[in-house]
């Protein structure tokens, strides 16, 4: 059902068009019902993906703003599948399946297949700052022997993720998110993802969706590991030597959707397109500058 503009500035809330603009209490209840469980755990592996960083935690700060009196322990468990490129810049795709887990305790501790395992170190009603441990699965030569032969492997490695989120307001629920990730091993580098998203018109008590853009930056260690070719690799692979520098890595746009079958069962799905930029786009290793991803999971919330 389309949204009704209650003011000259169109409000992005979960209020259907049939609702009178003066019914503030009904509007609040409808918005709360729509955002009550406003995030979906993801089955995506902790490794570079066309998904925007914001899609791993879509809606969490909105949930807190619209329903501050949540139970101390929240758990959502499920199973899902992701269809994504074998590695950054690959034109070959594969399917990954696995558990979808999201457990949160008192808005302090969390464990998630999307965000990692961490703690909210600072927070307010419409913002939070978190520190989390995650894992990068790396890249293996046998993922694509035709194009990766001679380049060696990027080993799996633990990661430290520092993230911050901020919601503009209830009337204009635009969410801003920044995440900075450091790999210890593997690429041994930093990456930074800046994104923004908001709920879209058409959301209601059973279905809601978010959309927004994101950009990713990375330091020289990260870029050289994933997109560079050193002298030894050039001799073994046949690629020309290439030094990938720090800077803008990619830009993308994503959509996240959730449909509640009942109060416990729900289905979540994500899609995203991404364009490699800067020295990543000029790398001789990549086969395509534009790639995408889609995933779906079936979940149960307790």
Protein backbone atom coordinates (compact mmCIF):
# COMPACT_ATOMS: atom_id res chain seq x y z
CA UNK A 1 0.00 0.00 0.00
CA UNK A 2 1.49 3.41 -0.89
CA UNK A 3 2.50 5.94 1.77
CA UNK A 4 0.64 9.14 2.47
CA UNK A 5 2.53 12.41 2.72
CA UNK A 6 1.33 13.91 6.01
CA UNK A 7 3.42 17.04 5.51
CA UNK A 8 4.86 18.79 2.48
CA UNK A 9 8.01 16.75 3.09
CA UNK A 10 7.17 13.11 2.36
CA UNK A 11 7.72 10.95 5.46
CA UNK A 12 9.30 7.55 5.09
CA UNK A 13 7.51 5.62 7.80
CA UNK A 14 5.38 2.51 7.93
CA UNK A 15 2.09 4.40 7.79
CA UNK A 16 -0.34 3.26 5.05
CA UNK A 17 -2.20 5.78 2.94
CA UNK A 18 -5.56 4.98 4.51
CA UNK A 19 -4.35 6.26 7.89
CA UNK A 20 -5.50 9.83 8.68
CA UNK A 21 -2.61 12.22 9.16
CA UNK A 22 -3.94 13.35 12.52
CA UNK A 23 -3.90 9.87 14.04
CA UNK A 24 -0.51 10.12 15.73
CA UNK A 25 -1.05 7.16 18.06
CA UNK A 26 -2.08 4.84 15.21
CA UNK A 27 0.89 6.02 13.19
CA UNK A 28 3.23 5.23 16.06
CA UNK A 29 1.76 1.74 16.50
CA UNK A 30 1.97 0.99 12.81
CA UNK A 31 5.57 2.15 12.65
CA UNK A 32 6.47 0.12 15.73
CA UNK A 33 4.86 -3.02 14.33
CA UNK A 34 6.72 -2.59 11.08
CA UNK A 35 10.13 -2.04 12.67
CA UNK A 36 9.75 -4.37 15.70
CA UNK A 37 12.12 -6.96 14.30
CA UNK A 38 13.76 -4.65 11.84
CA UNK A 39 16.79 -6.63 10.93
CA UNK A 40 17.48 -9.93 9.21
CA UNK A 41 20.39 -12.26 9.94
CA UNK A 42 22.42 -13.20 6.90
CA UNK A 43 23.94 -16.45 5.77
CA UNK A 44 26.68 -14.63 3.86
CA UNK A 45 30.20 -15.62 4.74
CA UNK A 46 32.58 -13.13 6.31
CA UNK A 47 34.55 -12.37 3.15
CA UNK A 48 34.53 -9.57 0.54
CA UNK A 49 31.08 -9.46 -1.05
CA UNK A 50 29.04 -7.08 -3.22
CA UNK A 51 26.68 -6.65 -0.25
CA UNK A 52 26.91 -3.25 1.41
CA UNK A 53 28.14 -3.37 5.00
CA UNK A 54 24.86 -1.77 6.13
CA UNK A 55 22.93 -4.80 4.83
CA UNK A 56 24.42 -7.03 7.53
CA UNK A 57 22.69 -5.02 10.27
CA UNK A 58 19.81 -3.33 8.43
CA UNK A 59 17.26 -1.88 10.81
CA UNK A 60 18.91 -2.50 14.18
CA UNK A 61 19.10 1.18 15.20
CA UNK A 62 15.53 1.68 13.96
CA UNK A 63 14.33 -1.19 16.12
CA UNK A 64 15.78 0.47 19.20
CA UNK A 65 14.26 3.85 18.35
CA UNK A 66 10.74 2.54 17.69
CA UNK A 67 10.65 -0.07 20.44
CA UNK A 68 13.05 0.76 23.31
CA UNK A 69 11.44 -1.77 25.72
CA UNK A 70 12.62 -4.99 24.10
CA UNK A 71 13.36 -8.24 25.99
CA UNK A 72 16.91 -8.59 27.33
CA UNK A 73 17.71 -11.61 25.16
CA UNK A 74 16.74 -11.80 21.48
CA UNK A 75 17.60 -14.70 19.20
CA UNK A 76 16.94 -15.39 15.53
CA UNK A 77 18.16 -18.64 13.98
CA UNK A 78 17.82 -19.93 10.46
CA UNK A 79 19.45 -21.27 7.33
CA UNK A 80 20.22 -19.47 4.11
CA UNK A 81 22.05 -19.42 0.81
CA UNK A 82 24.08 -16.78 -1.01
CA UNK A 83 24.84 -16.56 -4.73
CA UNK A 84 27.91 -14.37 -5.20
CA UNK A 85 31.19 -14.02 -7.16
CA UNK A 86 33.97 -16.43 -6.27
CA UNK A 87 36.16 -13.43 -5.43
CA UNK A 88 36.31 -9.68 -6.06
CA UNK A 89 36.34 -9.03 -9.80
CA UNK A 90 35.42 -12.58 -10.79
CA UNK A 91 32.81 -13.26 -13.47
CA UNK A 92 32.24 -16.74 -12.06
CA UNK A 93 29.67 -17.28 -9.30
CA UNK A 94 29.08 -19.93 -6.70
CA UNK A 95 26.46 -20.81 -4.09
CA UNK A 96 27.25 -20.72 -0.37
CA UNK A 97 24.88 -22.21 2.20
CA UNK A 98 25.03 -22.13 5.96
CA UNK A 99 23.42 -21.09 9.23
CA UNK A 100 21.88 -17.68 9.82
CA UNK A 101 22.44 -16.56 13.41
CA UNK A 102 21.68 -13.34 15.26
CA UNK A 103 21.71 -13.24 19.07
CA UNK A 104 21.64 -10.00 21.11
CA UNK A 105 21.73 -9.42 24.86
CA UNK A 106 20.52 -6.15 26.41
CA UNK A 107 21.64 -4.11 23.42
CA UNK A 108 25.21 -4.70 24.61
CA UNK A 109 26.51 -8.07 23.37
CA UNK A 110 25.78 -9.55 19.97
CA UNK A 111 26.74 -12.55 17.87
CA UNK A 112 25.82 -12.54 14.20
CA UNK A 113 26.83 -14.28 10.98
CA UNK A 114 26.66 -10.83 9.41
CA UNK A 115 28.14 -8.43 11.96
CA UNK A 116 30.44 -10.83 13.80
CA UNK A 117 30.73 -11.24 17.57
CA UNK A 118 31.05 -8.02 19.52
CA UNK A 119 29.88 -5.39 21.94
CA UNK A 120 28.24 -1.98 21.68
CA UNK A 121 30.78 0.13 23.55
CA UNK A 122 28.87 3.42 23.23
CA UNK A 123 25.20 4.01 22.45
CA UNK A 124 22.19 6.30 22.61
CA UNK A 125 18.57 6.08 21.53
CA UNK A 126 19.42 6.72 17.88
CA UNK A 127 23.09 5.74 17.61
CA UNK A 128 25.65 3.14 18.61
CA UNK A 129 29.38 2.40 18.32
CA UNK A 130 30.46 -1.25 18.27
CA UNK A 131 33.60 -3.38 18.24
CA UNK A 132 33.37 -6.89 16.78
CA UNK A 133 35.49 -9.86 15.77
CA UNK A 134 34.81 -11.27 12.31
CA UNK A 135 36.49 -13.65 9.88
CA UNK A 136 37.70 -13.32 6.30
CA UNK A 137 37.66 -16.54 4.28
CA UNK A 138 40.32 -15.21 1.91
CA UNK A 139 40.88 -16.33 -1.67
CA UNK A 140 42.23 -19.63 -2.94
CA UNK A 141 43.87 -20.32 -6.27
CA UNK A 142 41.64 -23.34 -6.89
CA UNK A 143 38.58 -21.05 -6.77
CA UNK A 144 39.44 -20.17 -10.37
CA UNK A 145 42.59 -21.96 -11.63
CA UNK A 146 42.29 -20.36 -15.06
CA UNK A 147 42.66 -16.80 -13.72
CA UNK A 148 44.33 -17.23 -10.31
CA UNK A 149 47.08 -19.71 -11.16
CA UNK A 150 50.44 -18.42 -9.96
CA UNK A 151 48.99 -15.73 -7.70
CA UNK A 152 49.00 -17.82 -4.54
CA UNK A 153 46.36 -17.75 -1.83
CA UNK A 154 45.05 -14.99 0.42
CA UNK A 155 44.84 -16.93 3.65
CA UNK A 156 41.77 -16.91 5.91
CA UNK A 157 42.24 -14.44 8.73
CA UNK A 158 40.50 -12.96 11.78
CA UNK A 159 39.29 -9.38 11.53
CA UNK A 160 38.54 -6.54 13.91
CA UNK A 161 35.57 -4.37 12.95
CA UNK A 162 34.84 -0.88 14.35
CA UNK A 163 31.39 0.39 13.36
CA UNK A 164 29.08 3.31 14.07
CA UNK A 165 25.41 3.91 13.16
CA UNK A 166 23.21 6.98 13.46
CA UNK A 167 19.49 7.49 12.74
CA UNK A 168 18.45 11.01 11.74
CA UNK A 169 14.99 10.92 13.39
CA UNK A 170 11.70 8.98 13.67
CA UNK A 171 10.08 11.24 11.09
CA UNK A 172 13.00 10.79 8.71
CA UNK A 173 14.52 7.37 9.52
CA UNK A 174 17.63 7.71 7.39
CA UNK A 175 20.40 5.52 8.82
CA UNK A 176 24.08 6.37 8.38
CA UNK A 177 26.67 3.63 8.94
CA UNK A 178 30.46 3.54 8.85
CA UNK A 179 32.52 0.38 9.38
CA UNK A 180 36.30 0.08 9.54
CA UNK A 181 37.77 -3.42 9.28
CA UNK A 182 41.35 -4.58 9.96
CA UNK A 183 42.52 -8.00 8.81
CA UNK A 184 45.19 -9.76 10.90
CA UNK A 185 46.74 -12.05 8.34
CA UNK A 186 45.37 -12.50 4.84
CA UNK A 187 45.52 -9.05 3.28
CA UNK A 188 46.87 -7.48 6.51
CA UNK A 189 45.04 -4.30 5.56
CA UNK A 190 42.29 -1.84 6.43
CA UNK A 191 39.02 -1.32 4.60
CA UNK A 192 36.31 1.27 5.27
CA UNK A 193 32.68 1.02 4.18
CA UNK A 194 30.43 4.09 4.29
CA UNK A 195 26.73 3.57 3.63
CA UNK A 196 23.26 4.93 4.16
CA UNK A 197 19.78 3.42 3.89
CA UNK A 198 16.15 3.93 4.87
CA UNK A 199 12.83 2.02 4.89
CA UNK A 200 10.92 2.33 1.64
CA UNK A 201 7.26 3.10 0.89
CA UNK A 202 5.11 -0.02 0.83
CA UNK A 203 6.36 -1.42 4.13
CA UNK A 204 3.72 -2.70 6.56
CA UNK A 205 3.30 -5.07 9.52
CA UNK A 206 4.09 -8.17 7.41
CA UNK A 207 6.65 -6.85 4.96
CA UNK A 208 9.30 -4.16 4.97
CA UNK A 209 12.28 -3.28 2.84
CA UNK A 210 15.29 -1.01 2.90
CA UNK A 211 17.53 0.39 0.19
CA UNK A 212 20.63 2.53 -0.01
CA UNK A 213 24.09 3.12 -1.49
CA UNK A 214 27.55 2.44 -0.11
CA UNK A 215 31.18 3.13 -0.99
CA UNK A 216 34.29 1.23 0.10
CA UNK A 217 37.85 2.48 0.59
CA UNK A 218 40.95 0.42 1.36
CA UNK A 219 44.62 0.91 2.18
CA UNK A 220 47.54 -0.18 -0.01
CA UNK A 221 48.07 -3.50 1.81
CA UNK A 222 44.48 -4.55 1.22
CA UNK A 223 44.42 -3.38 -2.40
CA UNK A 224 47.76 -4.98 -3.28
CA UNK A 225 46.72 -8.32 -1.76
CA UNK A 226 43.44 -8.52 -3.66
CA UNK A 227 44.22 -6.68 -6.90
CA UNK A 228 48.00 -6.31 -7.20
CA UNK A 229 50.57 -8.52 -8.92
CA UNK A 230 54.10 -8.51 -7.49
CA UNK A 231 57.21 -9.62 -9.36
CA UNK A 232 57.07 -13.22 -8.17
CA UNK A 233 53.37 -13.51 -9.03
CA UNK A 234 53.96 -11.95 -12.46
CA UNK A 235 56.64 -14.53 -13.28
CA UNK A 236 54.44 -17.44 -12.11
CA UNK A 237 51.11 -16.29 -13.57
CA UNK A 238 51.91 -14.47 -16.81
CA UNK A 239 50.13 -11.30 -15.66
CA UNK A 240 52.01 -8.03 -15.95
CA UNK A 241 53.30 -6.59 -12.72
CA UNK A 242 50.74 -4.26 -11.18
CA UNK A 243 50.83 -2.13 -8.03
CA UNK A 244 47.39 -1.42 -6.61
CA UNK A 245 47.25 1.75 -4.52
CA UNK A 246 45.14 2.90 -1.60
CA UNK A 247 41.90 4.75 -2.19
CA UNK A 248 38.37 4.18 -3.42
CA UNK A 249 37.72 0.49 -4.08
CA UNK A 250 34.04 0.30 -5.10
CA UNK A 251 30.56 1.81 -5.01
CA UNK A 252 27.29 -0.07 -4.87
CA UNK A 253 23.58 -0.09 -4.15
CA UNK A 254 21.61 -2.68 -2.18
CA UNK A 255 18.08 -3.71 -1.22
CA UNK A 256 17.10 -5.75 1.86
CA UNK A 257 13.62 -7.24 2.28
CA UNK A 258 11.89 -9.13 5.09
CA UNK A 259 8.53 -10.93 5.05
CA UNK A 260 6.94 -12.25 8.26
CA UNK A 261 4.97 -15.47 7.81
CA UNK A 262 3.81 -15.23 11.43
CA UNK A 263 5.18 -13.76 14.66
CA UNK A 264 8.04 -16.29 14.75
CA UNK A 265 8.88 -17.28 11.17
CA UNK A 266 10.20 -14.83 8.60
CA UNK A 267 12.03 -14.85 5.27
CA UNK A 268 14.74 -12.36 4.45
CA UNK A 269 16.37 -11.59 1.10
CA UNK A 270 19.07 -9.24 -0.12
CA UNK A 271 20.35 -8.05 -3.46
CA UNK A 272 23.16 -5.70 -4.40
CA UNK A 273 25.14 -4.45 -7.38
CA UNK A 274 28.68 -3.13 -7.09
CA UNK A 275 31.15 -1.40 -9.39
CA UNK A 276 34.90 -1.68 -8.80
CA UNK A 277 36.69 1.65 -9.04
CA UNK A 278 40.16 3.15 -8.87
CA UNK A 279 43.16 0.83 -8.98
CA UNK A 280 40.87 -2.17 -8.28
CA UNK A 281 39.08 -1.57 -11.59
CA UNK A 282 42.39 -1.35 -13.48
CA UNK A 283 43.79 -4.60 -12.10
CA UNK A 284 44.75 -7.23 -14.70
CA UNK A 285 43.37 -9.93 -12.40
CA UNK A 286 39.71 -8.98 -12.63
CA UNK A 287 37.36 -10.22 -15.34
CA UNK A 288 34.55 -7.76 -14.67
CA UNK A 289 34.22 -4.36 -12.99
CA UNK A 290 30.54 -4.87 -12.12
CA UNK A 291 29.19 -7.75 -10.07
CA UNK A 292 26.22 -8.59 -7.89
CA UNK A 293 24.94 -10.81 -5.13
CA UNK A 294 21.64 -12.20 -3.90
CA UNK A 295 20.81 -14.20 -0.80
CA UNK A 296 17.78 -15.61 0.95
CA UNK A 297 17.26 -17.13 4.39
CA UNK A 298 14.44 -18.69 6.39
CA UNK A 299 14.54 -17.75 10.07
CA UNK A 300 12.81 -18.32 13.39
CA UNK A 301 12.78 -15.64 16.09
CA UNK A 302 12.23 -16.65 19.72
